[in-house]
């Protein structure tokens, strides 16, 4: 199973390399936006995306981003409980 982590695009980097800086829960990292960029990369600023292995895989809305963040948090808490078993 593959998980995409929601992040918000906060800066567009090198457009030739199709890179952008994405904020994922306060941690910023560069991701490749080639899979979601159809036109002007600047139009992606502020958009929420699902990130997997360094690539923005799809654009999502803010509500879906928040729901995914909550689900990932719940899964991490469950992992701790299962580890205690």
PDB file of N, CA and C in Angstrom:
ATOM      1  N   UNK A   1       0.841  -1.169   0.000  1.00  0.00           N
ATOM      2  CA  UNK A   1       0.000   0.000   0.000  1.00  0.00           C
ATOM      3  C   UNK A   1       0.888   1.234   0.000  1.00  0.00           C
ATOM      4  N   UNK A   2       0.513   2.203  -0.797  1.00  0.00           N
ATOM      5  CA  UNK A   2       1.248   3.465  -0.884  1.00  0.00           C
ATOM      6  C   UNK A   2       0.417   4.564  -0.242  1.00  0.00           C
ATOM      7  N   UNK A   3       1.084   5.411   0.509  1.00  0.00           N
ATOM      8  CA  UNK A   3       0.401   6.523   1.150  1.00  0.00           C
ATOM      9  C   UNK A   3       0.906   7.837   0.589  1.00  0.00           C
ATOM     10  N   UNK A   4      -0.007   8.708   0.272  1.00  0.00           N
ATOM     11  CA  UNK A   4       0.350  10.066  -0.104  1.00  0.00           C
ATOM     12  C   UNK A   4       0.173  10.954   1.111  1.00  0.00           C
ATOM     13  N   UNK A   5       1.119  11.839   1.327  1.00  0.00           N
ATOM     14  CA  UNK A   5       1.080  12.745   2.467  1.00  0.00           C
ATOM     15  C   UNK A   5       0.659  14.126   1.961  1.00  0.00           C
ATOM     16  N   UNK A   6      -0.343  14.746   2.582  1.00  0.00           N
ATOM     17  CA  UNK A   6      -0.784  16.058   2.112  1.00  0.00           C
ATOM     18  C   UNK A   6       0.206  17.155   2.479  1.00  0.00           C
ATOM     19  N   UNK A   7       0.421  18.049   1.538  1.00  0.00           N
ATOM     20  CA  UNK A   7       1.280  19.203   1.771  1.00  0.00           C
ATOM     21  C   UNK A   7       0.794  20.368   0.934  1.00  0.00           C
ATOM     22  N   UNK A   8       1.194  21.561   1.349  1.00  0.00           N
ATOM     23  CA  UNK A   8       0.776  22.771   0.641  1.00  0.00           C
ATOM     24  C   UNK A   8       1.983  23.381  -0.068  1.00  0.00           C
ATOM     25  N   UNK A   9       1.804  23.708  -1.335  1.00  0.00           N
ATOM     26  CA  UNK A   9       2.882  24.318  -2.115  1.00  0.00           C
ATOM     27  C   UNK A   9       3.073  25.752  -1.642  1.00  0.00           C
ATOM     28  N   UNK A  10       4.290  26.054  -1.157  1.00  0.00           N
ATOM     29  CA  UNK A  10       4.569  27.380  -0.612  1.00  0.00           C
ATOM     30  C   UNK A  10       5.542  28.181  -1.470  1.00  0.00           C
ATOM     31  N   UNK A  11       6.227  27.511  -2.392  1.00  0.00           N
ATOM     32  CA  UNK A  11       7.173  28.218  -3.256  1.00  0.00           C
ATOM     33  C   UNK A  11       7.417  27.393  -4.511  1.00  0.00           C
ATOM     34  N   UNK A  12       7.527  28.087  -5.633  1.00  0.00           N
ATOM     35  CA  UNK A  12       7.880  27.426  -6.886  1.00  0.00           C
ATOM     36  C   UNK A  12       9.372  27.632  -7.089  1.00  0.00           C
ATOM     37  N   UNK A  13      10.088  26.538  -7.298  1.00  0.00           N
ATOM     38  CA  UNK A  13      11.535  26.615  -7.490  1.00  0.00           C
ATOM     39  C   UNK A  13      11.890  26.681  -8.956  1.00  0.00           C
ATOM     40  N   UNK A  14      12.851  25.885  -9.343  1.00  0.00           N
ATOM     41  CA  UNK A  14      13.351  25.847 -10.720  1.00  0.00           C
ATOM     42  C   UNK A  14      12.278  25.270 -11.636  1.00  0.00           C
ATOM     43  N   UNK A  15      11.708  26.131 -12.502  1.00  0.00           N
ATOM     44  CA  UNK A  15      10.632  25.642 -13.370  1.00  0.00           C
ATOM     45  C   UNK A  15      11.149  24.688 -14.435  1.00  0.00           C
ATOM     46  N   UNK A  16      12.423  24.784 -14.806  1.00  0.00           N
ATOM     47  CA  UNK A  16      12.987  23.838 -15.779  1.00  0.00           C
ATOM     48  C   UNK A  16      13.032  22.430 -15.190  1.00  0.00           C
ATOM     49  N   UNK A  17      13.321  22.339 -13.888  1.00  0.00           N
ATOM     50  CA  UNK A  17      13.349  21.038 -13.205  1.00  0.00           C
ATOM     51  C   UNK A  17      11.985  20.659 -12.643  1.00  0.00           C
ATOM     52  N   UNK A  18      11.036  21.590 -12.719  1.00  0.00           N
ATOM     53  CA  UNK A  18       9.676  21.408 -12.204  1.00  0.00           C
ATOM     54  C   UNK A  18       9.688  21.027 -10.721  1.00  0.00           C
ATOM     55  N   UNK A  19      10.346  21.868  -9.928  1.00  0.00           N
ATOM     56  CA  UNK A  19      10.422  21.662  -8.486  1.00  0.00           C
ATOM     57  C   UNK A  19       9.642  22.745  -7.752  1.00  0.00           C
ATOM     58  N   UNK A  20       9.073  22.356  -6.615  1.00  0.00           N
ATOM     59  CA  UNK A  20       8.378  23.299  -5.747  1.00  0.00           C
ATOM     60  C   UNK A  20       8.683  22.923  -4.306  1.00  0.00           C
ATOM     61  N   UNK A  21       8.571  23.903  -3.415  1.00  0.00           N
ATOM     62  CA  UNK A  21       8.714  23.646  -1.990  1.00  0.00           C
ATOM     63  C   UNK A  21       7.323  23.415  -1.423  1.00  0.00           C
ATOM     64  N   UNK A  22       7.186  22.307  -0.698  1.00  0.00           N
ATOM     65  CA  UNK A  22       5.904  21.921  -0.121  1.00  0.00           C
ATOM     66  C   UNK A  22       6.050  21.857   1.396  1.00  0.00           C
ATOM     67  N   UNK A  23       5.067  22.402   2.099  1.00  0.00           N
ATOM     68  CA  UNK A  23       5.033  22.344   3.557  1.00  0.00           C
ATOM     69  C   UNK A  23       4.163  21.166   3.973  1.00  0.00           C
ATOM     70  N   UNK A  24       4.787  20.213   4.672  1.00  0.00           N
ATOM     71  CA  UNK A  24       4.079  19.038   5.184  1.00  0.00           C
ATOM     72  C   UNK A  24       4.173  19.085   6.704  1.00  0.00           C
ATOM     73  N   UNK A  25       3.098  19.496   7.355  1.00  0.00           N
ATOM     74  CA  UNK A  25       3.042  19.576   8.823  1.00  0.00           C
ATOM     75  C   UNK A  25       4.202  20.379   9.401  1.00  0.00           C
ATOM     76  N   UNK A  26       4.530  21.502   8.764  1.00  0.00           N
ATOM     77  CA  UNK A  26       5.589  22.364   9.263  1.00  0.00           C
ATOM     78  C   UNK A  26       6.985  22.055   8.745  1.00  0.00           C
ATOM     79  N   UNK A  27       7.147  20.954   8.052  1.00  0.00           N
ATOM     80  CA  UNK A  27       8.436  20.587   7.465  1.00  0.00           C
ATOM     81  C   UNK A  27       8.379  20.896   5.976  1.00  0.00           C
ATOM     82  N   UNK A  28       9.367  21.642   5.504  1.00  0.00           N
ATOM     83  CA  UNK A  28       9.380  22.004   4.091  1.00  0.00           C
ATOM     84  C   UNK A  28      10.415  21.184   3.343  1.00  0.00           C
ATOM     85  N   UNK A  29      10.009  20.719   2.170  1.00  0.00           N
ATOM     86  CA  UNK A  29      10.937  19.981   1.315  1.00  0.00           C
ATOM     87  C   UNK A  29      10.565  20.201  -0.134  1.00  0.00           C
ATOM     88  N   UNK A  30      11.543  19.936  -0.996  1.00  0.00           N
ATOM     89  CA  UNK A  30      11.312  20.097  -2.427  1.00  0.00           C
ATOM     90  C   UNK A  30      10.695  18.838  -3.002  1.00  0.00           C
ATOM     91  N   UNK A  31       9.716  19.042  -3.869  1.00  0.00           N
ATOM     92  CA  UNK A  31       9.083  17.922  -4.566  1.00  0.00           C
ATOM     93  C   UNK A  31       8.982  18.256  -6.053  1.00  0.00           C
ATOM     94  N   UNK A  32       8.888  17.226  -6.842  1.00  0.00           N
ATOM     95  CA  UNK A  32       8.727  17.370  -8.280  1.00  0.00           C
ATOM     96  C   UNK A  32       7.242  17.566  -8.576  1.00  0.00           C
ATOM     97  N   UNK A  33       6.915  18.583  -9.371  1.00  0.00           N
ATOM     98  CA  UNK A  33       5.511  18.885  -9.677  1.00  0.00           C
ATOM     99  C   UNK A  33       5.141  18.540 -11.121  1.00  0.00           C
ATOM    100  N   UNK A  34       5.988  17.803 -11.809  1.00  0.00           N
ATOM    101  CA  UNK A  34       5.747  17.521 -13.233  1.00  0.00           C
ATOM    102  C   UNK A  34       4.450  16.754 -13.483  1.00  0.00           C
ATOM    103  N   UNK A  35       3.999  15.959 -12.514  1.00  0.00           N
ATOM    104  CA  UNK A  35       2.781  15.167 -12.709  1.00  0.00           C
ATOM    105  C   UNK A  35       1.499  15.990 -12.578  1.00  0.00           C
ATOM    106  N   UNK A  36       1.601  17.174 -11.976  1.00  0.00           N
ATOM    107  CA  UNK A  36       0.400  17.988 -11.752  1.00  0.00           C
ATOM    108  C   UNK A  36       0.446  19.331 -12.466  1.00  0.00           C
ATOM    109  N   UNK A  37       1.560  19.649 -13.110  1.00  0.00           N
ATOM    110  CA  UNK A  37       1.739  20.966 -13.722  1.00  0.00           C
ATOM    111  C   UNK A  37       1.422  20.909 -15.208  1.00  0.00           C
ATOM    112  N   UNK A  38       0.251  21.453 -15.582  1.00  0.00           N
ATOM    113  CA  UNK A  38      -0.158  21.480 -16.982  1.00  0.00           C
ATOM    114  C   UNK A  38       0.208  22.784 -17.677  1.00  0.00           C
ATOM    115  N   UNK A  39       0.376  23.849 -16.898  1.00  0.00           N
ATOM    116  CA  UNK A  39       0.645  25.150 -17.518  1.00  0.00           C
ATOM    117  C   UNK A  39       1.645  25.924 -16.666  1.00  0.00           C
ATOM    118  N   UNK A  40       1.251  27.074 -16.173  1.00  0.00           N
ATOM    119  CA  UNK A  40       2.124  27.944 -15.392  1.00  0.00           C
ATOM    120  C   UNK A  40       2.319  27.394 -13.980  1.00  0.00           C
ATOM    121  N   UNK A  41       3.549  27.040 -13.598  1.00  0.00           N
ATOM    122  CA  UNK A  41       3.790  26.506 -12.255  1.00  0.00           C
ATOM    123  C   UNK A  41       3.356  27.465 -11.143  1.00  0.00           C
ATOM    124  N   UNK A  42       3.429  28.783 -11.389  1.00  0.00           N
ATOM    125  CA  UNK A  42       3.041  29.761 -10.362  1.00  0.00           C
ATOM    126  C   UNK A  42       1.577  29.610  -9.956  1.00  0.00           C
ATOM    127  N   UNK A  43       0.757  29.056 -10.837  1.00  0.00           N
ATOM    128  CA  UNK A  43      -0.665  28.871 -10.520  1.00  0.00           C
ATOM    129  C   UNK A  43      -0.873  27.816  -9.431  1.00  0.00           C
ATOM    130  N   UNK A  44       0.174  27.063  -9.116  1.00  0.00           N
ATOM    131  CA  UNK A  44       0.069  26.021  -8.094  1.00  0.00           C
ATOM    132  C   UNK A  44       0.340  26.535  -6.681  1.00  0.00           C
ATOM    133  N   UNK A  45       0.840  27.765  -6.555  1.00  0.00           N
ATOM    134  CA  UNK A  45       1.126  28.320  -5.228  1.00  0.00           C
ATOM    135  C   UNK A  45      -0.119  28.280  -4.346  1.00  0.00           C
ATOM    136  N   UNK A  46       0.047  27.751  -3.133  1.00  0.00           N
ATOM    137  CA  UNK A  46      -1.060  27.670  -2.189  1.00  0.00           C
ATOM    138  C   UNK A  46      -1.919  26.428  -2.335  1.00  0.00           C
ATOM    139  N   UNK A  47      -1.736  25.676  -3.395  1.00  0.00           N
ATOM    140  CA  UNK A  47      -2.533  24.458  -3.614  1.00  0.00           C
ATOM    141  C   UNK A  47      -2.068  23.348  -2.678  1.00  0.00           C
ATOM    142  N   UNK A  48      -3.002  22.474  -2.331  1.00  0.00           N
ATOM    143  CA  UNK A  48      -2.713  21.281  -1.544  1.00  0.00           C
ATOM    144  C   UNK A  48      -2.495  20.118  -2.494  1.00  0.00           C
ATOM    145  N   UNK A  49      -1.485  19.307  -2.199  1.00  0.00           N
ATOM    146  CA  UNK A  49      -1.157  18.163  -3.048  1.00  0.00           C
ATOM    147  C   UNK A  49      -0.891  16.940  -2.181  1.00  0.00           C
ATOM    148  N   UNK A  50      -1.032  15.767  -2.790  1.00  0.00           N
ATOM    149  CA  UNK A  50      -0.604  14.533  -2.139  1.00  0.00           C
ATOM    150  C   UNK A  50       0.795  14.220  -2.640  1.00  0.00           C
ATOM    151  N   UNK A  51       1.737  14.033  -1.702  1.00  0.00           N
ATOM    152  CA  UNK A  51       3.139  13.796  -2.032  1.00  0.00           C
ATOM    153  C   UNK A  51       3.487  12.344  -1.728  1.00  0.00           C
ATOM    154  N   UNK A  52       4.145  11.714  -2.688  1.00  0.00           N
ATOM    155  CA  UNK A  52       4.620  10.332  -2.513  1.00  0.00           C
ATOM    156  C   UNK A  52       5.974  10.217  -3.194  1.00  0.00           C
ATOM    157  N   UNK A  53       6.953   9.714  -2.485  1.00  0.00           N
ATOM    158  CA  UNK A  53       8.339   9.522  -2.943  1.00  0.00           C
ATOM    159  C   UNK A  53       8.890  10.730  -3.708  1.00  0.00           C
ATOM    160  N   UNK A  54       8.646  11.923  -3.177  1.00  0.00           N
ATOM    161  CA  UNK A  54       9.219  13.125  -3.757  1.00  0.00           C
ATOM    162  C   UNK A  54       8.466  13.729  -4.925  1.00  0.00           C
ATOM    163  N   UNK A  55       7.295  13.187  -5.232  1.00  0.00           N
ATOM    164  CA  UNK A  55       6.482  13.703  -6.337  1.00  0.00           C
ATOM    165  C   UNK A  55       5.123  14.146  -5.815  1.00  0.00           C
ATOM    166  N   UNK A  56       4.654  15.292  -6.309  1.00  0.00           N
ATOM    167  CA  UNK A  56       3.272  15.699  -6.067  1.00  0.00           C
ATOM    168  C   UNK A  56       2.422  14.877  -7.028  1.00  0.00           C
ATOM    169  N   UNK A  57       1.616  13.969  -6.471  1.00  0.00           N
ATOM    170  CA  UNK A  57       0.866  13.017  -7.293  1.00  0.00           C
ATOM    171  C   UNK A  57      -0.476  13.565  -7.765  1.00  0.00           C
ATOM    172  N   UNK A  58      -1.117  14.390  -6.947  1.00  0.00           N
ATOM    173  CA  UNK A  58      -2.417  14.942  -7.327  1.00  0.00           C
ATOM    174  C   UNK A  58      -2.702  16.189  -6.503  1.00  0.00           C
ATOM    175  N   UNK A  59      -3.571  17.025  -7.035  1.00  0.00           N
ATOM    176  CA  UNK A  59      -4.032  18.218  -6.332  1.00  0.00           C
ATOM    177  C   UNK A  59      -5.297  17.839  -5.571  1.00  0.00           C
ATOM    178  N   UNK A  60      -5.361  18.250  -4.308  1.00  0.00           N
ATOM    179  CA  UNK A  60      -6.534  17.966  -3.483  1.00  0.00           C
ATOM    180  C   UNK A  60      -7.021  19.281  -2.880  1.00  0.00           C
ATOM    181  N   UNK A  61      -8.246  19.268  -2.352  1.00  0.00           N
ATOM    182  CA  UNK A  61      -8.730  20.481  -1.704  1.00  0.00           C
ATOM    183  C   UNK A  61      -8.305  20.472  -0.235  1.00  0.00           C
ATOM    184  N   UNK A  62      -8.461  21.618   0.417  1.00  0.00           N
ATOM    185  CA  UNK A  62      -8.003  21.765   1.798  1.00  0.00           C
ATOM    186  C   UNK A  62      -8.716  20.796   2.741  1.00  0.00           C
ATOM    187  N   UNK A  63     -10.000  20.568   2.512  1.00  0.00           N
ATOM    188  CA  UNK A  63     -10.762  19.649   3.368  1.00  0.00           C
ATOM    189  C   UNK A  63     -10.196  18.233   3.282  1.00  0.00           C
ATOM    190  N   UNK A  64      -9.915  17.777   2.078  1.00  0.00           N
ATOM    191  CA  UNK A  64      -9.335  16.437   1.915  1.00  0.00           C
ATOM    192  C   UNK A  64      -7.953  16.366   2.561  1.00  0.00           C
ATOM    193  N   UNK A  65      -7.189  17.451   2.460  1.00  0.00           N
ATOM    194  CA  UNK A  65      -5.864  17.493   3.088  1.00  0.00           C
ATOM    195  C   UNK A  65      -5.991  17.333   4.600  1.00  0.00           C
ATOM    196  N   UNK A  66      -6.908  18.067   5.205  1.00  0.00           N
ATOM    197  CA  UNK A  66      -7.103  17.991   6.661  1.00  0.00           C
ATOM    198  C   UNK A  66      -7.575  16.598   7.082  1.00  0.00           C
ATOM    199  N   UNK A  67      -8.505  16.013   6.328  1.00  0.00           N
ATOM    200  CA  UNK A  67      -8.989  14.668   6.646  1.00  0.00           C
ATOM    201  C   UNK A  67      -7.861  13.641   6.548  1.00  0.00           C
ATOM    202  N   UNK A  68      -7.013  13.780   5.543  1.00  0.00           N
ATOM    203  CA  UNK A  68      -5.896  12.854   5.378  1.00  0.00           C
ATOM    204  C   UNK A  68      -4.892  13.023   6.510  1.00  0.00           C
ATOM    205  N   UNK A  69      -4.606  14.263   6.902  1.00  0.00           N
ATOM    206  CA  UNK A  69      -3.700  14.502   8.024  1.00  0.00           C
ATOM    207  C   UNK A  69      -4.244  13.872   9.304  1.00  0.00           C
ATOM    208  N   UNK A  70      -5.538  14.010   9.543  1.00  0.00           N
ATOM    209  CA  UNK A  70      -6.155  13.418  10.734  1.00  0.00           C
ATOM    210  C   UNK A  70      -6.080  11.898  10.693  1.00  0.00           C
ATOM    211  N   UNK A  71      -6.307  11.305   9.526  1.00  0.00           N
ATOM    212  CA  UNK A  71      -6.230   9.848   9.385  1.00  0.00           C
ATOM    213  C   UNK A  71      -4.810   9.353   9.628  1.00  0.00           C
ATOM    214  N   UNK A  72      -3.817  10.067   9.119  1.00  0.00           N
ATOM    215  CA  UNK A  72      -2.423   9.669   9.337  1.00  0.00           C
ATOM    216  C   UNK A  72      -2.047   9.783  10.810  1.00  0.00           C
ATOM    217  N   UNK A  73      -2.540  10.820  11.480  1.00  0.00           N
ATOM    218  CA  UNK A  73      -2.288  10.973  12.911  1.00  0.00           C
ATOM    219  C   UNK A  73      -2.918   9.821  13.683  1.00  0.00           C
ATOM    220  N   UNK A  74      -4.151   9.470  13.351  1.00  0.00           N
ATOM    221  CA  UNK A  74      -4.828   8.353  14.018  1.00  0.00           C
ATOM    222  C   UNK A  74      -4.071   7.044  13.784  1.00  0.00           C
ATOM    223  N   UNK A  75      -3.555   6.849  12.573  1.00  0.00           N
ATOM    224  CA  UNK A  75      -2.791   5.631  12.280  1.00  0.00           C
ATOM    225  C   UNK A  75      -1.503   5.587  13.090  1.00  0.00           C
ATOM    226  N   UNK A  76      -0.857   6.738  13.271  1.00  0.00           N
ATOM    227  CA  UNK A  76       0.389   6.746  14.040  1.00  0.00           C
ATOM    228  C   UNK A  76       0.110   6.446  15.509  1.00  0.00           C
ATOM    229  N   UNK A  77      -1.026   6.894  16.031  1.00  0.00           N
ATOM    230  CA  UNK A  77      -1.394   6.584  17.408  1.00  0.00           C
ATOM    231  C   UNK A  77      -1.744   5.111  17.554  1.00  0.00           C
ATOM    232  N   UNK A  78      -2.395   4.552  16.557  1.00  0.00           N
ATOM    233  CA  UNK A  78      -2.738   3.133  16.576  1.00  0.00           C
ATOM    234  C   UNK A  78      -1.478   2.277  16.538  1.00  0.00           C
ATOM    235  N   UNK A  79      -0.473   2.706  15.790  1.00  0.00           N
ATOM    236  CA  UNK A  79       0.785   1.963  15.702  1.00  0.00           C
ATOM    237  C   UNK A  79       1.415   1.824  17.085  1.00  0.00           C
ATOM    238  N   UNK A  80       1.349   2.879  17.889  1.00  0.00           N
ATOM    239  CA  UNK A  80       1.886   2.832  19.248  1.00  0.00           C
ATOM    240  C   UNK A  80       1.130   1.808  20.093  1.00  0.00           C
ATOM    241  N   UNK A  81      -0.204   1.796  19.969  1.00  0.00           N
ATOM    242  CA  UNK A  81      -1.015   0.845  20.733  1.00  0.00           C
ATOM    243  C   UNK A  81      -0.735  -0.594  20.311  1.00  0.00           C
ATOM    244  N   UNK A  82      -0.595  -0.828  19.026  1.00  0.00           N
ATOM    245  CA  UNK A  82      -0.305  -2.175  18.529  1.00  0.00           C
ATOM    246  C   UNK A  82       1.085  -2.601  18.981  1.00  0.00           C
ATOM    247  N   UNK A  83       2.021  -1.662  19.017  1.00  0.00           N
ATOM    248  CA  UNK A  83       3.375  -1.969  19.468  1.00  0.00           C
ATOM    249  C   UNK A  83       3.405  -2.397  20.924  1.00  0.00           C
ATOM    250  N   UNK A  84       2.492  -1.872  21.742  1.00  0.00           N
ATOM    251  CA  UNK A  84       2.415  -2.247  23.155  1.00  0.00           C
ATOM    252  C   UNK A  84       1.807  -3.626  23.353  1.00  0.00           C
ATOM    253  N   UNK A  85       1.113  -4.138  22.344  1.00  0.00           N
ATOM    254  CA  UNK A  85       0.457  -5.433  22.440  1.00  0.00           C
ATOM    255  C   UNK A  85       1.507  -6.480  22.348  1.00  0.00           C
TER     256      UNK A  85
END
